[in-house]
Amino acid sequence: REEGVDRTRIWFDLARESEVRLAVYDLRGRLVRALIPSGGCGPVRLPPGLYGRDEGSSDPCTTFTWDGRDDGGGRVSPGVYLLRLRAGGVVDVRRVVFWP
């Protein structure tokens, strides 16, 4: 954890093994940051379970927190963003407010 940087922890549950995609988008639908898979990783399959409730994953392809940065490492502007989770044929979108 970087000193002085707050993070939003993202929780979700999987009922069955699924390919998972989790990303942050701006309100125009443009990708801000890919969290799962992250950083050039290929598809990520996760087993059934509860995710995002602990300090994190040791897998560099999965990130369950967002620190207000885009894929290039820059800080985003304060405002409303969309978290989109795709898993097991389901798409769930939630709003999140970034206010540093």
C-alpha atoms as a PDB file:
ATOM      1  CA  ARG A   1       0.000   0.000   0.000  1.00  0.00           C
ATOM      2  CA  GLU A   2       1.334   3.379  -1.025  1.00  0.00           C
ATOM      3  CA  GLU A   3       1.489   5.832   1.879  1.00  0.00           C
ATOM      4  CA  GLY A   4      -1.166   8.556   1.749  1.00  0.00           C
ATOM      5  CA  VAL A   5      -3.174   6.950  -1.072  1.00  0.00           C
ATOM      6  CA  ASP A   6      -6.714   5.831  -0.363  1.00  0.00           C
ATOM      7  CA  ARG A   7      -8.144   2.879  -2.223  1.00  0.00           C
ATOM      8  CA  THR A   8     -11.659   1.686  -2.858  1.00  0.00           C
ATOM      9  CA  ARG A   9     -11.986  -2.024  -2.190  1.00  0.00           C
ATOM     10  CA  ILE A  10     -14.270  -3.843  -4.615  1.00  0.00           C
ATOM     11  CA  TRP A  11     -16.178  -6.879  -3.361  1.00  0.00           C
ATOM     12  CA  PHE A  12     -17.993  -9.489  -5.406  1.00  0.00           C
ATOM     13  CA  ASP A  13     -19.080 -13.119  -5.132  1.00  0.00           C
ATOM     14  CA  LEU A  14     -18.907 -15.863  -7.732  1.00  0.00           C
ATOM     15  CA  ALA A  15     -21.342 -18.778  -7.601  1.00  0.00           C
ATOM     16  CA  ARG A  16     -19.343 -20.794 -10.151  1.00  0.00           C
ATOM     17  CA  GLU A  17     -15.962 -20.709 -11.880  1.00  0.00           C
ATOM     18  CA  SER A  18     -15.993 -17.887 -14.397  1.00  0.00           C
ATOM     19  CA  GLU A  19     -13.854 -15.749 -16.609  1.00  0.00           C
ATOM     20  CA  VAL A  20     -13.826 -12.398 -14.824  1.00  0.00           C
ATOM     21  CA  ARG A  21     -13.389  -8.893 -16.182  1.00  0.00           C
ATOM     22  CA  LEU A  22     -13.493  -5.900 -13.849  1.00  0.00           C
ATOM     23  CA  ALA A  23     -12.848  -2.372 -15.073  1.00  0.00           C
ATOM     24  CA  VAL A  24     -13.404   1.305 -14.317  1.00  0.00           C
ATOM     25  CA  TYR A  25     -15.026   3.486 -16.990  1.00  0.00           C
ATOM     26  CA  ASP A  26     -15.830   7.173 -17.205  1.00  0.00           C
ATOM     27  CA  LEU A  27     -19.440   8.266 -17.735  1.00  0.00           C
ATOM     28  CA  ARG A  28     -18.889   8.401 -21.503  1.00  0.00           C
ATOM     29  CA  GLY A  29     -18.051   4.696 -21.485  1.00  0.00           C
ATOM     30  CA  ARG A  30     -14.312   5.083 -22.048  1.00  0.00           C
ATOM     31  CA  LEU A  31     -12.049   2.614 -20.272  1.00  0.00           C
ATOM     32  CA  VAL A  32     -10.153   4.272 -17.419  1.00  0.00           C
ATOM     33  CA  ARG A  33      -8.480   1.253 -15.831  1.00  0.00           C
ATOM     34  CA  ALA A  34      -8.625  -2.516 -16.223  1.00  0.00           C
ATOM     35  CA  LEU A  35      -8.474  -4.196 -12.812  1.00  0.00           C
ATOM     36  CA  ILE A  36      -9.079  -7.809 -13.852  1.00  0.00           C
ATOM     37  CA  PRO A  37      -7.216  -8.732 -15.954  1.00  0.00           C
ATOM     38  CA  SER A  38      -4.681  -6.019 -15.258  1.00  0.00           C
ATOM     39  CA  GLY A  39      -1.417  -4.993 -16.848  1.00  0.00           C
ATOM     40  CA  GLY A  40      -1.355  -6.964 -20.077  1.00  0.00           C
ATOM     41  CA  CYS A  41      -2.481 -10.259 -18.533  1.00  0.00           C
ATOM     42  CA  GLY A  42      -4.590 -12.705 -20.477  1.00  0.00           C
ATOM     43  CA  PRO A  43      -8.057 -13.909 -19.469  1.00  0.00           C
ATOM     44  CA  VAL A  44      -8.553 -14.583 -15.749  1.00  0.00           C
ATOM     45  CA  ARG A  45     -10.695 -17.485 -14.509  1.00  0.00           C
ATOM     46  CA  LEU A  46     -11.601 -17.503 -10.839  1.00  0.00           C
ATOM     47  CA  PRO A  47     -13.169 -20.334  -8.825  1.00  0.00           C
ATOM     48  CA  PRO A  48     -16.400 -19.861  -6.862  1.00  0.00           C
ATOM     49  CA  GLY A  49     -15.917 -17.714  -3.789  1.00  0.00           C
ATOM     50  CA  LEU A  50     -15.901 -14.316  -2.134  1.00  0.00           C
ATOM     51  CA  TYR A  51     -13.476 -11.732  -3.530  1.00  0.00           C
ATOM     52  CA  GLY A  52     -12.108  -8.375  -2.419  1.00  0.00           C
ATOM     53  CA  ARG A  53     -12.681  -8.828   1.287  1.00  0.00           C
ATOM     54  CA  ASP A  54      -9.044  -9.273   2.283  1.00  0.00           C
ATOM     55  CA  GLU A  55      -5.954  -7.163   1.653  1.00  0.00           C
ATOM     56  CA  GLY A  56      -5.498  -8.390  -1.873  1.00  0.00           C
ATOM     57  CA  SER A  57      -4.380 -11.092  -4.175  1.00  0.00           C
ATOM     58  CA  SER A  58      -0.851 -12.283  -4.777  1.00  0.00           C
ATOM     59  CA  ASP A  59      -1.821 -12.694  -8.440  1.00  0.00           C
ATOM     60  CA  PRO A  60      -0.584  -9.638 -10.409  1.00  0.00           C
ATOM     61  CA  CYS A  61      -3.442 -10.104 -12.911  1.00  0.00           C
ATOM     62  CA  THR A  62      -6.172  -9.434 -10.336  1.00  0.00           C
ATOM     63  CA  THR A  63      -6.725  -6.179  -8.478  1.00  0.00           C
ATOM     64  CA  PHE A  64      -9.635  -5.763  -6.071  1.00  0.00           C
ATOM     65  CA  THR A  65      -8.965  -2.101  -5.270  1.00  0.00           C
ATOM     66  CA  TRP A  66      -8.931   1.155  -7.216  1.00  0.00           C
ATOM     67  CA  ASP A  67      -6.735   4.074  -6.200  1.00  0.00           C
ATOM     68  CA  GLY A  68      -8.125   6.700  -8.587  1.00  0.00           C
ATOM     69  CA  ARG A  69      -5.491   6.118 -11.260  1.00  0.00           C
ATOM     70  CA  ASP A  70      -5.922   5.331 -14.925  1.00  0.00           C
ATOM     71  CA  ASP A  71      -4.114   2.577 -16.851  1.00  0.00           C
ATOM     72  CA  GLY A  72      -1.204   4.971 -17.480  1.00  0.00           C
ATOM     73  CA  GLY A  73      -0.733   5.651 -13.746  1.00  0.00           C
ATOM     74  CA  GLY A  74      -2.143   9.192 -13.810  1.00  0.00           C
ATOM     75  CA  ARG A  75      -4.675  10.459 -11.293  1.00  0.00           C
ATOM     76  CA  VAL A  76      -8.192  10.844 -12.662  1.00  0.00           C
ATOM     77  CA  SER A  77     -10.324  13.920 -12.109  1.00  0.00           C
ATOM     78  CA  PRO A  78     -12.770  13.930  -9.191  1.00  0.00           C
ATOM     79  CA  GLY A  79     -16.194  12.701 -10.233  1.00  0.00           C
ATOM     80  CA  VAL A  80     -18.438   9.722 -10.842  1.00  0.00           C
ATOM     81  CA  TYR A  81     -17.053   6.595 -12.488  1.00  0.00           C
ATOM     82  CA  LEU A  82     -18.535   3.225 -13.387  1.00  0.00           C
ATOM     83  CA  LEU A  83     -17.277  -0.140 -12.152  1.00  0.00           C
ATOM     84  CA  ARG A  84     -18.233  -2.915 -14.562  1.00  0.00           C
ATOM     85  CA  LEU A  85     -17.950  -6.571 -13.554  1.00  0.00           C
ATOM     86  CA  ARG A  86     -18.439  -9.300 -16.160  1.00  0.00           C
ATOM     87  CA  ALA A  87     -18.515 -12.878 -14.890  1.00  0.00           C
ATOM     88  CA  GLY A  88     -20.467 -16.025 -15.634  1.00  0.00           C
ATOM     89  CA  GLY A  89     -22.629 -14.380 -18.295  1.00  0.00           C
ATOM     90  CA  VAL A  90     -23.643 -11.553 -15.946  1.00  0.00           C
ATOM     91  CA  VAL A  91     -22.727  -7.880 -16.282  1.00  0.00           C
ATOM     92  CA  ASP A  92     -23.075  -5.674 -13.187  1.00  0.00           C
ATOM     93  CA  VAL A  93     -22.397  -1.930 -13.287  1.00  0.00           C
ATOM     94  CA  ARG A  94     -22.097   0.255 -10.180  1.00  0.00           C
ATOM     95  CA  ARG A  95     -21.340   3.932  -9.746  1.00  0.00           C
ATOM     96  CA  VAL A  96     -18.409   5.019  -7.625  1.00  0.00           C
ATOM     97  CA  VAL A  97     -17.483   8.576  -6.659  1.00  0.00           C
ATOM     98  CA  PHE A  98     -13.805   9.485  -6.736  1.00  0.00           C
ATOM     99  CA  TRP A  99     -13.194  12.454  -4.465  1.00  0.00           C
ATOM    100  CA  PRO A 100      -9.571  12.731  -3.311  1.00  0.00           C
END
